[in-house]
Amino acid sequence: EQKRLTRKRPENLSAWEEYLQGLRCFYERQRTDYEDPGLAQARQHFEQAINLDSTLSDAYAQLAICGAWELVQRITKDSEQTLDGMLADGRKAEALNPENPLALVGIAVASFFRGNHPVALDHTQRAVQFNPSYALSYYWLGLAQVHSGEYPQGENTVLKAFQLSPADPDLSNFHALLFFACLGQGKYEEALEAIDKALLRHPDAGHHLGFR
């Protein structure tokens, strides 16, 4: 499907096809600090998808997630503006589809980066309830858990994400989450092994290098 889309003229793409192109750019990006063309292209595709269909809840949610990585990768020039935009996009996604787990994740991500971990926990737990087979919800739930001091719960949650999506394009982040969960429990060898696996996939990810 992705190969078919790359052969299609850009002006002929539908909103959903623009969204899929955004996902491709998002997951294939280099994840480098300060500049990441793939992340910028992903944002452009998600915005174009919304221009074509303003009711596409998933596209708004992915914009919130893009904002999170613009913060993590130190790309944004105005963190407050990025945080405000993330929350607005997450809320718009939820307003369009209150039972969309990705929309709930969008709000959770914005809340997490504001340090509001209780709200992040609540929304990711609801996302899991709406779709217990969606690995991304477990990732963000686990992240909220470990940053709330719930390290064993976070470990169990990320192991569930691995089980659901063992070849996930975001697998490096799953390993990084496992690092946090093990580190908080004093399981240092397991933590080192986890972050090394994350770096094998993306050796230039600055935030992962810092964890090591």
N, C-alpha and C. Protein backbone atom coordinates (compact mmCIF):
# COMPACT_ATOMS: atom_id res chain seq x y z
N GLU A 1 0.84 -1.20 0.00
CA GLU A 1 0.00 0.00 0.00
C GLU A 1 0.87 1.25 0.00
N GLN A 2 1.93 1.24 0.83
CA GLN A 2 2.80 2.40 0.89
C GLN A 2 3.53 2.61 -0.44
N LYS A 3 3.97 1.53 -1.07
CA LYS A 3 4.64 1.65 -2.36
C LYS A 3 3.70 2.20 -3.42
N ARG A 4 2.43 1.78 -3.37
CA ARG A 4 1.45 2.29 -4.32
C ARG A 4 1.27 3.80 -4.14
N LEU A 5 1.24 4.25 -2.90
CA LEU A 5 1.04 5.67 -2.63
C LEU A 5 2.20 6.51 -3.12
N THR A 6 3.43 5.98 -3.01
CA THR A 6 4.59 6.75 -3.46
C THR A 6 4.59 6.94 -4.97
N ARG A 7 3.88 6.08 -5.69
CA ARG A 7 3.80 6.21 -7.15
C ARG A 7 2.65 7.12 -7.59
N LYS A 8 1.79 7.46 -6.66
CA LYS A 8 0.62 8.26 -7.01
C LYS A 8 0.96 9.75 -6.95
N ARG A 9 0.45 10.52 -7.87
CA ARG A 9 0.73 11.96 -7.89
C ARG A 9 0.19 12.61 -6.62
N PRO A 10 0.98 13.48 -5.96
CA PRO A 10 0.56 14.06 -4.68
C PRO A 10 -0.79 14.75 -4.72
N GLU A 11 -1.10 15.43 -5.83
CA GLU A 11 -2.36 16.16 -5.90
C GLU A 11 -3.57 15.23 -6.00
N ASN A 12 -3.33 13.94 -6.20
CA ASN A 12 -4.43 12.99 -6.31
C ASN A 12 -4.66 12.17 -5.04
N LEU A 13 -3.91 12.48 -4.00
CA LEU A 13 -4.05 11.71 -2.76
C LEU A 13 -5.31 12.12 -2.02
N SER A 14 -6.00 11.11 -1.45
CA SER A 14 -7.15 11.38 -0.59
C SER A 14 -6.65 11.71 0.82
N ALA A 15 -7.57 12.13 1.68
CA ALA A 15 -7.20 12.45 3.06
C ALA A 15 -6.58 11.24 3.75
N TRP A 16 -7.18 10.07 3.56
CA TRP A 16 -6.65 8.87 4.21
C TRP A 16 -5.28 8.50 3.65
N GLU A 17 -5.08 8.70 2.36
CA GLU A 17 -3.79 8.40 1.77
C GLU A 17 -2.72 9.38 2.27
N GLU A 18 -3.10 10.64 2.45
CA GLU A 18 -2.17 11.60 3.03
C GLU A 18 -1.80 11.17 4.46
N TYR A 19 -2.79 10.69 5.17
CA TYR A 19 -2.54 10.22 6.54
C TYR A 19 -1.56 9.05 6.54
N LEU A 20 -1.76 8.10 5.63
CA LEU A 20 -0.86 6.95 5.55
C LEU A 20 0.55 7.38 5.17
N GLN A 21 0.66 8.34 4.29
CA GLN A 21 1.97 8.87 3.93
C GLN A 21 2.64 9.50 5.15
N GLY A 22 1.83 10.18 5.96
CA GLY A 22 2.36 10.76 7.19
C GLY A 22 2.91 9.71 8.13
N LEU A 23 2.19 8.59 8.25
CA LEU A 23 2.67 7.50 9.09
C LEU A 23 4.00 6.95 8.57
N ARG A 24 4.09 6.81 7.25
CA ARG A 24 5.33 6.30 6.67
C ARG A 24 6.50 7.20 7.02
N CYS A 25 6.33 8.50 6.82
CA CYS A 25 7.40 9.45 7.14
C CYS A 25 7.73 9.43 8.62
N PHE A 26 6.70 9.32 9.44
CA PHE A 26 6.90 9.34 10.90
C PHE A 26 7.73 8.16 11.35
N TYR A 27 7.41 6.97 10.86
CA TYR A 27 8.09 5.78 11.35
C TYR A 27 9.44 5.55 10.68
N GLU A 28 9.65 6.11 9.49
CA GLU A 28 10.92 5.91 8.78
C GLU A 28 11.92 7.02 9.06
N ARG A 29 11.56 7.99 9.88
CA ARG A 29 12.44 9.13 10.12
C ARG A 29 13.71 8.72 10.86
N GLN A 30 14.71 9.62 10.85
CA GLN A 30 16.02 9.33 11.44
C GLN A 30 16.05 9.51 12.95
N ARG A 31 15.13 10.31 13.49
CA ARG A 31 15.00 10.54 14.94
C ARG A 31 16.23 11.24 15.53
N THR A 32 16.82 12.12 14.76
CA THR A 32 17.99 12.87 15.21
C THR A 32 17.57 14.16 15.90
N ASP A 33 18.43 14.65 16.78
CA ASP A 33 18.15 15.88 17.50
C ASP A 33 18.28 17.11 16.61
N TYR A 34 17.50 18.15 16.95
CA TYR A 34 17.56 19.49 16.35
C TYR A 34 16.97 19.58 14.94
N GLU A 35 17.05 18.53 14.16
CA GLU A 35 16.48 18.56 12.81
C GLU A 35 16.12 17.15 12.39
N ASP A 36 14.91 16.97 11.88
CA ASP A 36 14.47 15.66 11.42
C ASP A 36 13.49 15.86 10.27
N PRO A 37 14.00 15.84 9.03
CA PRO A 37 13.13 16.09 7.87
C PRO A 37 11.94 15.14 7.81
N GLY A 38 12.12 13.90 8.20
CA GLY A 38 11.02 12.94 8.15
C GLY A 38 9.88 13.34 9.06
N LEU A 39 10.20 13.87 10.24
CA LEU A 39 9.17 14.32 11.16
C LEU A 39 8.43 15.53 10.60
N ALA A 40 9.18 16.44 9.98
CA ALA A 40 8.55 17.61 9.35
C ALA A 40 7.62 17.18 8.21
N GLN A 41 8.05 16.22 7.43
CA GLN A 41 7.21 15.72 6.34
C GLN A 41 5.96 15.03 6.86
N ALA A 42 6.12 14.28 7.96
CA ALA A 42 4.95 13.62 8.56
C ALA A 42 3.92 14.66 8.98
N ARG A 43 4.37 15.71 9.64
CA ARG A 43 3.44 16.78 10.05
C ARG A 43 2.73 17.37 8.84
N GLN A 44 3.46 17.62 7.77
CA GLN A 44 2.85 18.19 6.57
C GLN A 44 1.76 17.28 6.00
N HIS A 45 2.02 15.98 5.99
CA HIS A 45 1.02 15.04 5.48
C HIS A 45 -0.22 15.01 6.38
N PHE A 46 -0.02 15.02 7.68
CA PHE A 46 -1.17 14.99 8.59
C PHE A 46 -1.99 16.28 8.45
N GLU A 47 -1.30 17.41 8.31
CA GLU A 47 -2.02 18.68 8.12
C GLU A 47 -2.78 18.69 6.80
N GLN A 48 -2.17 18.13 5.75
CA GLN A 48 -2.85 18.07 4.46
C GLN A 48 -4.06 17.14 4.53
N ALA A 49 -3.93 16.04 5.29
CA ALA A 49 -5.07 15.14 5.47
C ALA A 49 -6.24 15.88 6.10
N ILE A 50 -5.94 16.73 7.08
CA ILE A 50 -6.99 17.50 7.74
C ILE A 50 -7.58 18.54 6.78
N ASN A 51 -6.73 19.12 5.95
CA ASN A 51 -7.24 20.07 4.95
C ASN A 51 -8.24 19.41 4.01
N LEU A 52 -7.99 18.14 3.71
CA LEU A 52 -8.88 17.41 2.81
C LEU A 52 -10.10 16.86 3.53
N ASP A 53 -9.96 16.55 4.81
CA ASP A 53 -11.06 16.00 5.60
C ASP A 53 -10.89 16.45 7.04
N SER A 54 -11.61 17.49 7.42
CA SER A 54 -11.45 18.08 8.75
C SER A 54 -12.05 17.21 9.86
N THR A 55 -12.65 16.08 9.50
CA THR A 55 -13.23 15.19 10.51
C THR A 55 -12.33 13.99 10.81
N LEU A 56 -11.12 13.99 10.30
CA LEU A 56 -10.22 12.84 10.45
C LEU A 56 -9.55 12.90 11.83
N SER A 57 -10.15 12.23 12.79
CA SER A 57 -9.68 12.26 14.17
C SER A 57 -8.24 11.79 14.30
N ASP A 58 -7.89 10.72 13.60
CA ASP A 58 -6.54 10.15 13.71
C ASP A 58 -5.46 11.16 13.33
N ALA A 59 -5.72 11.98 12.32
CA ALA A 59 -4.72 12.95 11.87
C ALA A 59 -4.43 13.99 12.94
N TYR A 60 -5.48 14.48 13.62
CA TYR A 60 -5.27 15.42 14.71
C TYR A 60 -4.46 14.77 15.83
N ALA A 61 -4.77 13.52 16.15
CA ALA A 61 -4.05 12.82 17.21
C ALA A 61 -2.58 12.66 16.86
N GLN A 62 -2.30 12.34 15.60
CA GLN A 62 -0.91 12.17 15.19
C GLN A 62 -0.16 13.50 15.22
N LEU A 63 -0.84 14.60 15.00
CA LEU A 63 -0.19 15.90 15.14
C LEU A 63 0.26 16.12 16.58
N ALA A 64 -0.57 15.71 17.54
CA ALA A 64 -0.18 15.82 18.94
C ALA A 64 1.06 14.98 19.23
N ILE A 65 1.10 13.79 18.66
CA ILE A 65 2.26 12.90 18.86
C ILE A 65 3.50 13.47 18.18
N CYS A 66 3.32 14.06 17.00
CA CYS A 66 4.46 14.73 16.35
C CYS A 66 5.04 15.82 17.26
N GLY A 67 4.16 16.57 17.89
CA GLY A 67 4.62 17.62 18.80
C GLY A 67 5.47 17.07 19.93
N ALA A 68 5.09 15.89 20.42
CA ALA A 68 5.87 15.27 21.50
C ALA A 68 7.30 15.01 21.06
N TRP A 69 7.46 14.50 19.84
CA TRP A 69 8.81 14.18 19.38
C TRP A 69 9.56 15.43 18.95
N GLU A 70 8.86 16.48 18.58
CA GLU A 70 9.53 17.75 18.34
C GLU A 70 10.12 18.30 19.63
N LEU A 71 9.48 18.00 20.75
CA LEU A 71 10.03 18.37 22.06
C LEU A 71 11.21 17.48 22.42
N VAL A 72 11.00 16.17 22.33
CA VAL A 72 12.04 15.21 22.73
C VAL A 72 13.31 15.39 21.90
N GLN A 73 13.12 15.59 20.60
CA GLN A 73 14.28 15.73 19.71
C GLN A 73 14.79 17.17 19.63
N ARG A 74 14.25 18.04 20.48
CA ARG A 74 14.71 19.43 20.60
C ARG A 74 14.66 20.17 19.27
N ILE A 75 13.58 19.93 18.56
CA ILE A 75 13.38 20.57 17.26
C ILE A 75 12.59 21.87 17.40
N THR A 76 11.60 21.86 18.28
CA THR A 76 10.73 23.03 18.41
C THR A 76 11.50 24.23 18.94
N LYS A 77 11.15 25.40 18.46
CA LYS A 77 11.76 26.65 18.91
C LYS A 77 10.95 27.28 20.05
N ASP A 78 9.73 26.82 20.26
CA ASP A 78 8.86 27.39 21.29
C ASP A 78 8.10 26.24 21.94
N SER A 79 8.62 25.75 23.05
CA SER A 79 8.04 24.57 23.68
C SER A 79 6.63 24.83 24.20
N GLU A 80 6.38 26.02 24.70
CA GLU A 80 5.05 26.33 25.22
C GLU A 80 4.01 26.30 24.09
N GLN A 81 4.38 26.88 22.97
CA GLN A 81 3.47 26.87 21.82
C GLN A 81 3.23 25.44 21.34
N THR A 82 4.27 24.64 21.32
CA THR A 82 4.14 23.24 20.92
C THR A 82 3.23 22.49 21.88
N LEU A 83 3.41 22.70 23.17
CA LEU A 83 2.57 22.03 24.17
C LEU A 83 1.11 22.43 24.02
N ASP A 84 0.86 23.73 23.82
CA ASP A 84 -0.52 24.20 23.63
C ASP A 84 -1.13 23.57 22.38
N GLY A 85 -0.34 23.49 21.30
CA GLY A 85 -0.84 22.89 20.07
C GLY A 85 -1.13 21.41 20.23
N MET A 86 -0.28 20.71 20.97
CA MET A 86 -0.51 19.28 21.21
C MET A 86 -1.84 19.04 21.91
N LEU A 87 -2.10 19.82 22.96
CA LEU A 87 -3.34 19.64 23.70
C LEU A 87 -4.55 19.99 22.83
N ALA A 88 -4.44 21.06 22.05
CA ALA A 88 -5.55 21.45 21.17
C ALA A 88 -5.82 20.36 20.14
N ASP A 89 -4.76 19.79 19.57
CA ASP A 89 -4.95 18.73 18.57
C ASP A 89 -5.53 17.48 19.22
N GLY A 90 -5.05 17.13 20.40
CA GLY A 90 -5.61 15.96 21.10
C GLY A 90 -7.07 16.13 21.43
N ARG A 91 -7.44 17.30 21.90
CA ARG A 91 -8.84 17.56 22.24
C ARG A 91 -9.73 17.56 21.00
N LYS A 92 -9.20 18.08 19.90
CA LYS A 92 -9.97 18.07 18.66
C LYS A 92 -10.20 16.64 18.20
N ALA A 93 -9.15 15.81 18.31
CA ALA A 93 -9.28 14.40 17.92
C ALA A 93 -10.33 13.70 18.76
N GLU A 94 -10.34 13.98 20.07
CA GLU A 94 -11.33 13.35 20.96
C GLU A 94 -12.73 13.86 20.67
N ALA A 95 -12.85 15.16 20.40
CA ALA A 95 -14.17 15.72 20.11
C ALA A 95 -14.78 15.07 18.87
N LEU A 96 -13.93 14.75 17.90
CA LEU A 96 -14.41 14.12 16.67
C LEU A 96 -14.78 12.66 16.89
N ASN A 97 -14.08 11.99 17.80
CA ASN A 97 -14.35 10.57 18.06
C ASN A 97 -13.94 10.24 19.49
N PRO A 98 -14.85 10.39 20.46
CA PRO A 98 -14.52 10.18 21.88
C PRO A 98 -14.06 8.76 22.21
N GLU A 99 -14.34 7.80 21.34
CA GLU A 99 -13.93 6.42 21.60
C GLU A 99 -12.72 6.00 20.78
N ASN A 100 -12.06 6.95 20.16
CA ASN A 100 -10.87 6.67 19.38
C ASN A 100 -9.67 6.57 20.32
N PRO A 101 -9.06 5.40 20.46
CA PRO A 101 -7.93 5.28 21.39
C PRO A 101 -6.77 6.19 21.02
N LEU A 102 -6.55 6.41 19.73
CA LEU A 102 -5.46 7.29 19.32
C LEU A 102 -5.72 8.72 19.76
N ALA A 103 -6.99 9.15 19.73
CA ALA A 103 -7.34 10.48 20.20
C ALA A 103 -7.05 10.62 21.69
N LEU A 104 -7.39 9.59 22.46
CA LEU A 104 -7.11 9.60 23.90
C LEU A 104 -5.61 9.62 24.16
N VAL A 105 -4.87 8.90 23.34
CA VAL A 105 -3.41 8.93 23.45
C VAL A 105 -2.89 10.34 23.16
N GLY A 106 -3.48 11.01 22.19
CA GLY A 106 -3.06 12.37 21.87
C GLY A 106 -3.17 13.30 23.06
N ILE A 107 -4.28 13.22 23.79
CA ILE A 107 -4.45 14.05 25.00
C ILE A 107 -3.48 13.59 26.08
N ALA A 108 -3.30 12.28 26.20
CA ALA A 108 -2.38 11.74 27.21
C ALA A 108 -0.96 12.25 26.98
N VAL A 109 -0.53 12.26 25.72
CA VAL A 109 0.81 12.72 25.38
C VAL A 109 0.99 14.19 25.78
N ALA A 110 0.01 15.01 25.44
CA ALA A 110 0.09 16.43 25.80
C ALA A 110 0.13 16.60 27.31
N SER A 111 -0.68 15.84 28.01
CA SER A 111 -0.72 15.92 29.47
C SER A 111 0.59 15.44 30.08
N PHE A 112 1.13 14.37 29.53
CA PHE A 112 2.39 13.81 30.03
C PHE A 112 3.50 14.86 29.97
N PHE A 113 3.61 15.56 28.85
CA PHE A 113 4.68 16.53 28.70
C PHE A 113 4.42 17.82 29.47
N ARG A 114 3.21 17.99 29.96
CA ARG A 114 2.92 19.07 30.89
C ARG A 114 3.18 18.64 32.34
N GLY A 115 3.56 17.39 32.53
CA GLY A 115 3.79 16.86 33.88
C GLY A 115 2.53 16.44 34.58
N ASN A 116 1.42 16.39 33.85
CA ASN A 116 0.14 15.98 34.45
C ASN A 116 -0.03 14.48 34.26
N HIS A 117 0.69 13.71 35.03
CA HIS A 117 0.69 12.25 34.86
C HIS A 117 -0.63 11.59 35.22
N PRO A 118 -1.40 12.09 36.22
CA PRO A 118 -2.70 11.48 36.48
C PRO A 118 -3.64 11.53 35.27
N VAL A 119 -3.66 12.65 34.56
CA VAL A 119 -4.50 12.75 33.36
C VAL A 119 -3.97 11.82 32.27
N ALA A 120 -2.65 11.75 32.13
CA ALA A 120 -2.06 10.86 31.14
C ALA A 120 -2.42 9.41 31.45
N LEU A 121 -2.36 9.04 32.73
CA LEU A 121 -2.73 7.68 33.14
C LEU A 121 -4.19 7.39 32.81
N ASP A 122 -5.06 8.33 33.16
CA ASP A 122 -6.50 8.14 32.94
C ASP A 122 -6.80 7.94 31.46
N HIS A 123 -6.24 8.77 30.61
CA HIS A 123 -6.56 8.69 29.18
C HIS A 123 -5.96 7.46 28.51
N THR A 124 -4.76 7.07 28.93
CA THR A 124 -4.18 5.86 28.33
C THR A 124 -4.90 4.61 28.82
N GLN A 125 -5.34 4.61 30.06
CA GLN A 125 -6.13 3.47 30.55
C GLN A 125 -7.43 3.34 29.78
N ARG A 126 -8.07 4.48 29.49
CA ARG A 126 -9.29 4.45 28.70
C ARG A 126 -9.01 4.00 27.27
N ALA A 127 -7.87 4.43 26.73
CA ALA A 127 -7.49 4.00 25.38
C ALA A 127 -7.34 2.49 25.31
N VAL A 128 -6.72 1.91 26.33
CA VAL A 128 -6.56 0.46 26.39
C VAL A 128 -7.92 -0.23 26.48
N GLN A 129 -8.82 0.35 27.24
CA GLN A 129 -10.16 -0.24 27.38
C GLN A 129 -10.90 -0.24 26.04
N PHE A 130 -10.77 0.84 25.28
CA PHE A 130 -11.47 0.92 24.00
C PHE A 130 -10.88 -0.03 22.96
N ASN A 131 -9.57 -0.27 23.05
CA ASN A 131 -8.94 -1.21 22.12
C ASN A 131 -7.78 -1.91 22.83
N PRO A 132 -8.05 -3.08 23.44
CA PRO A 132 -7.01 -3.80 24.18
C PRO A 132 -5.92 -4.40 23.31
N SER A 133 -6.03 -4.27 22.00
CA SER A 133 -5.04 -4.84 21.09
C SER A 133 -4.14 -3.78 20.46
N TYR A 134 -4.22 -2.55 20.92
CA TYR A 134 -3.49 -1.45 20.31
C TYR A 134 -2.21 -1.18 21.11
N ALA A 135 -1.06 -1.57 20.55
CA ALA A 135 0.20 -1.52 21.29
C ALA A 135 0.60 -0.10 21.70
N LEU A 136 0.30 0.90 20.86
CA LEU A 136 0.71 2.27 21.16
C LEU A 136 0.10 2.76 22.46
N SER A 137 -1.14 2.36 22.75
CA SER A 137 -1.78 2.76 24.00
C SER A 137 -1.01 2.21 25.20
N TYR A 138 -0.55 0.98 25.08
CA TYR A 138 0.21 0.38 26.17
C TYR A 138 1.55 1.09 26.36
N TYR A 139 2.16 1.50 25.26
CA TYR A 139 3.44 2.22 25.38
C TYR A 139 3.26 3.49 26.21
N TRP A 140 2.29 4.31 25.84
CA TRP A 140 2.12 5.57 26.55
C TRP A 140 1.57 5.35 27.96
N LEU A 141 0.78 4.30 28.16
CA LEU A 141 0.34 3.96 29.52
C LEU A 141 1.55 3.60 30.37
N GLY A 142 2.42 2.76 29.83
CA GLY A 142 3.61 2.37 30.58
C GLY A 142 4.50 3.56 30.90
N LEU A 143 4.62 4.49 29.96
CA LEU A 143 5.44 5.68 30.19
C LEU A 143 4.85 6.52 31.33
N ALA A 144 3.54 6.67 31.33
CA ALA A 144 2.89 7.41 32.41
C ALA A 144 3.06 6.68 33.74
N GLN A 145 3.00 5.36 33.73
CA GLN A 145 3.16 4.58 34.96
C GLN A 145 4.56 4.75 35.56
N VAL A 146 5.60 4.59 34.73
CA VAL A 146 6.94 4.67 35.30
C VAL A 146 7.26 6.09 35.78
N HIS A 147 6.71 7.10 35.12
CA HIS A 147 6.94 8.47 35.57
C HIS A 147 6.06 8.84 36.75
N SER A 148 5.17 7.91 37.13
CA SER A 148 4.39 8.07 38.36
C SER A 148 4.94 7.18 39.47
N GLY A 149 6.08 6.54 39.21
CA GLY A 149 6.70 5.67 40.21
C GLY A 149 6.17 4.26 40.22
N GLU A 150 5.33 3.91 39.25
CA GLU A 150 4.74 2.56 39.20
C GLU A 150 5.60 1.68 38.28
N TYR A 151 6.80 1.36 38.74
CA TYR A 151 7.78 0.70 37.88
C TYR A 151 7.39 -0.74 37.52
N PRO A 152 6.98 -1.57 38.47
CA PRO A 152 6.58 -2.94 38.07
C PRO A 152 5.40 -2.95 37.12
N GLN A 153 4.42 -2.07 37.38
CA GLN A 153 3.26 -1.98 36.48
C GLN A 153 3.70 -1.53 35.09
N GLY A 154 4.63 -0.58 35.04
CA GLY A 154 5.12 -0.12 33.75
C GLY A 154 5.84 -1.22 32.98
N GLU A 155 6.59 -2.05 33.70
CA GLU A 155 7.27 -3.17 33.04
C GLU A 155 6.26 -4.14 32.46
N ASN A 156 5.25 -4.48 33.23
CA ASN A 156 4.21 -5.39 32.72
C ASN A 156 3.50 -4.80 31.51
N THR A 157 3.27 -3.51 31.55
CA THR A 157 2.56 -2.85 30.45
C THR A 157 3.37 -2.87 29.16
N VAL A 158 4.67 -2.55 29.26
CA VAL A 158 5.49 -2.53 28.04
C VAL A 158 5.71 -3.94 27.51
N LEU A 159 5.75 -4.92 28.38
CA LEU A 159 5.86 -6.30 27.91
C LEU A 159 4.62 -6.70 27.12
N LYS A 160 3.47 -6.15 27.51
CA LYS A 160 2.24 -6.37 26.76
C LYS A 160 2.34 -5.73 25.38
N ALA A 161 2.95 -4.54 25.31
CA ALA A 161 3.13 -3.87 24.01
C ALA A 161 4.03 -4.71 23.11
N PHE A 162 5.11 -5.25 23.66
CA PHE A 162 5.99 -6.14 22.88
C PHE A 162 5.21 -7.35 22.36
N GLN A 163 4.38 -7.90 23.23
CA GLN A 163 3.61 -9.09 22.85
C GLN A 163 2.64 -8.79 21.71
N LEU A 164 1.99 -7.63 21.78
CA LEU A 164 1.00 -7.26 20.77
C LEU A 164 1.63 -6.90 19.44
N SER A 165 2.82 -6.30 19.48
CA SER A 165 3.43 -5.80 18.24
C SER A 165 4.94 -6.03 18.27
N PRO A 166 5.37 -7.28 18.11
CA PRO A 166 6.80 -7.61 18.24
C PRO A 166 7.68 -7.04 17.14
N ALA A 167 7.08 -6.59 16.05
CA ALA A 167 7.86 -5.97 14.97
C ALA A 167 7.44 -4.51 14.78
N ASP A 168 7.02 -3.87 15.84
CA ASP A 168 6.50 -2.51 15.76
C ASP A 168 7.56 -1.54 15.25
N PRO A 169 7.18 -0.59 14.38
CA PRO A 169 8.16 0.39 13.90
C PRO A 169 8.69 1.30 15.01
N ASP A 170 7.99 1.35 16.15
CA ASP A 170 8.44 2.14 17.29
C ASP A 170 9.10 1.27 18.36
N LEU A 171 9.63 0.13 17.96
CA LEU A 171 10.17 -0.83 18.91
C LEU A 171 11.30 -0.23 19.75
N SER A 172 12.06 0.68 19.18
CA SER A 172 13.14 1.31 19.96
C SER A 172 12.58 2.03 21.18
N ASN A 173 11.41 2.66 21.03
CA ASN A 173 10.80 3.34 22.17
C ASN A 173 10.27 2.34 23.20
N PHE A 174 9.82 1.20 22.75
CA PHE A 174 9.40 0.16 23.68
C PHE A 174 10.59 -0.26 24.55
N HIS A 175 11.74 -0.44 23.92
CA HIS A 175 12.94 -0.82 24.67
C HIS A 175 13.34 0.29 25.64
N ALA A 176 13.21 1.54 25.22
CA ALA A 176 13.55 2.66 26.10
C ALA A 176 12.62 2.70 27.31
N LEU A 177 11.35 2.40 27.09
CA LEU A 177 10.41 2.34 28.21
C LEU A 177 10.77 1.21 29.17
N LEU A 178 11.16 0.07 28.62
CA LEU A 178 11.60 -1.04 29.46
C LEU A 178 12.82 -0.63 30.29
N PHE A 179 13.69 0.17 29.69
CA PHE A 179 14.84 0.71 30.43
C PHE A 179 14.38 1.46 31.67
N PHE A 180 13.43 2.38 31.51
CA PHE A 180 12.93 3.15 32.64
C PHE A 180 12.34 2.24 33.72
N ALA A 181 11.54 1.27 33.28
CA ALA A 181 10.88 0.38 34.23
C ALA A 181 11.89 -0.43 35.02
N CYS A 182 12.92 -0.93 34.35
CA CYS A 182 13.94 -1.73 35.04
C CYS A 182 14.82 -0.86 35.92
N LEU A 183 15.17 0.33 35.44
CA LEU A 183 16.01 1.23 36.22
C LEU A 183 15.33 1.59 37.54
N GLY A 184 14.03 1.85 37.48
CA GLY A 184 13.30 2.22 38.69
C GLY A 184 13.22 1.10 39.71
N GLN A 185 13.41 -0.13 39.26
CA GLN A 185 13.37 -1.28 40.16
C GLN A 185 14.78 -1.74 40.57
N GLY A 186 15.79 -1.00 40.14
CA GLY A 186 17.15 -1.38 40.46
C GLY A 186 17.67 -2.55 39.66
N LYS A 187 17.03 -2.84 38.55
CA LYS A 187 17.45 -3.95 37.68
C LYS A 187 18.36 -3.37 36.59
N TYR A 188 19.58 -3.06 36.99
CA TYR A 188 20.46 -2.25 36.16
C TYR A 188 20.97 -3.00 34.92
N GLU A 189 21.27 -4.27 35.06
CA GLU A 189 21.74 -5.02 33.89
C GLU A 189 20.65 -5.11 32.83
N GLU A 190 19.41 -5.36 33.30
CA GLU A 190 18.29 -5.43 32.35
C GLU A 190 18.04 -4.07 31.72
N ALA A 191 18.22 -2.99 32.51
CA ALA A 191 18.03 -1.64 31.98
C ALA A 191 19.06 -1.34 30.89
N LEU A 192 20.31 -1.70 31.13
CA LEU A 192 21.36 -1.46 30.14
C LEU A 192 21.10 -2.26 28.87
N GLU A 193 20.68 -3.49 29.03
CA GLU A 193 20.37 -4.33 27.87
C GLU A 193 19.24 -3.70 27.04
N ALA A 194 18.25 -3.17 27.73
CA ALA A 194 17.10 -2.58 27.03
C ALA A 194 17.51 -1.35 26.24
N ILE A 195 18.28 -0.45 26.84
CA ILE A 195 18.63 0.77 26.12
C ILE A 195 19.62 0.48 24.99
N ASP A 196 20.45 -0.55 25.16
CA ASP A 196 21.34 -0.94 24.07
C ASP A 196 20.54 -1.44 22.87
N LYS A 197 19.46 -2.15 23.13
CA LYS A 197 18.61 -2.63 22.03
C LYS A 197 17.93 -1.46 21.33
N ALA A 198 17.57 -0.45 22.10
CA ALA A 198 16.97 0.75 21.49
C ALA A 198 17.98 1.44 20.58
N LEU A 199 19.21 1.53 21.01
CA LEU A 199 20.24 2.21 20.24
C LEU A 199 20.67 1.43 19.01
N LEU A 200 20.52 0.11 19.05
CA LEU A 200 20.82 -0.68 17.87
C LEU A 200 19.93 -0.27 16.70
N ARG A 201 18.69 0.11 17.00
CA ARG A 201 17.74 0.48 15.96
C ARG A 201 17.94 1.92 15.51
N HIS A 202 18.26 2.81 16.46
CA HIS A 202 18.43 4.22 16.12
C HIS A 202 19.64 4.76 16.89
N PRO A 203 20.85 4.51 16.38
CA PRO A 203 22.07 4.87 17.12
C PRO A 203 22.29 6.36 17.29
N ASP A 204 21.59 7.19 16.52
CA ASP A 204 21.78 8.64 16.62
C ASP A 204 20.68 9.33 17.42
N ALA A 205 19.85 8.55 18.09
CA ALA A 205 18.79 9.14 18.92
C ALA A 205 19.42 9.70 20.20
N GLY A 206 19.54 11.01 20.27
CA GLY A 206 20.26 11.64 21.38
C GLY A 206 19.70 11.32 22.75
N HIS A 207 18.37 11.30 22.87
CA HIS A 207 17.77 11.03 24.18
C HIS A 207 18.07 9.62 24.65
N HIS A 208 18.21 8.65 23.75
CA HIS A 208 18.56 7.30 24.13
C HIS A 208 20.04 7.21 24.50
N LEU A 209 20.88 7.94 23.81
CA LEU A 209 22.30 7.97 24.17
C LEU A 209 22.48 8.52 25.58
N GLY A 210 21.69 9.51 25.91
CA GLY A 210 21.76 10.09 27.26
C GLY A 210 21.35 9.09 28.34
N PHE A 211 20.37 8.27 28.05
CA PHE A 211 19.93 7.26 29.03
C PHE A 211 21.06 6.27 29.29
N ARG A 212 21.79 5.89 28.23
CA ARG A 212 22.85 4.90 28.41
C ARG A 212 23.96 5.45 29.31
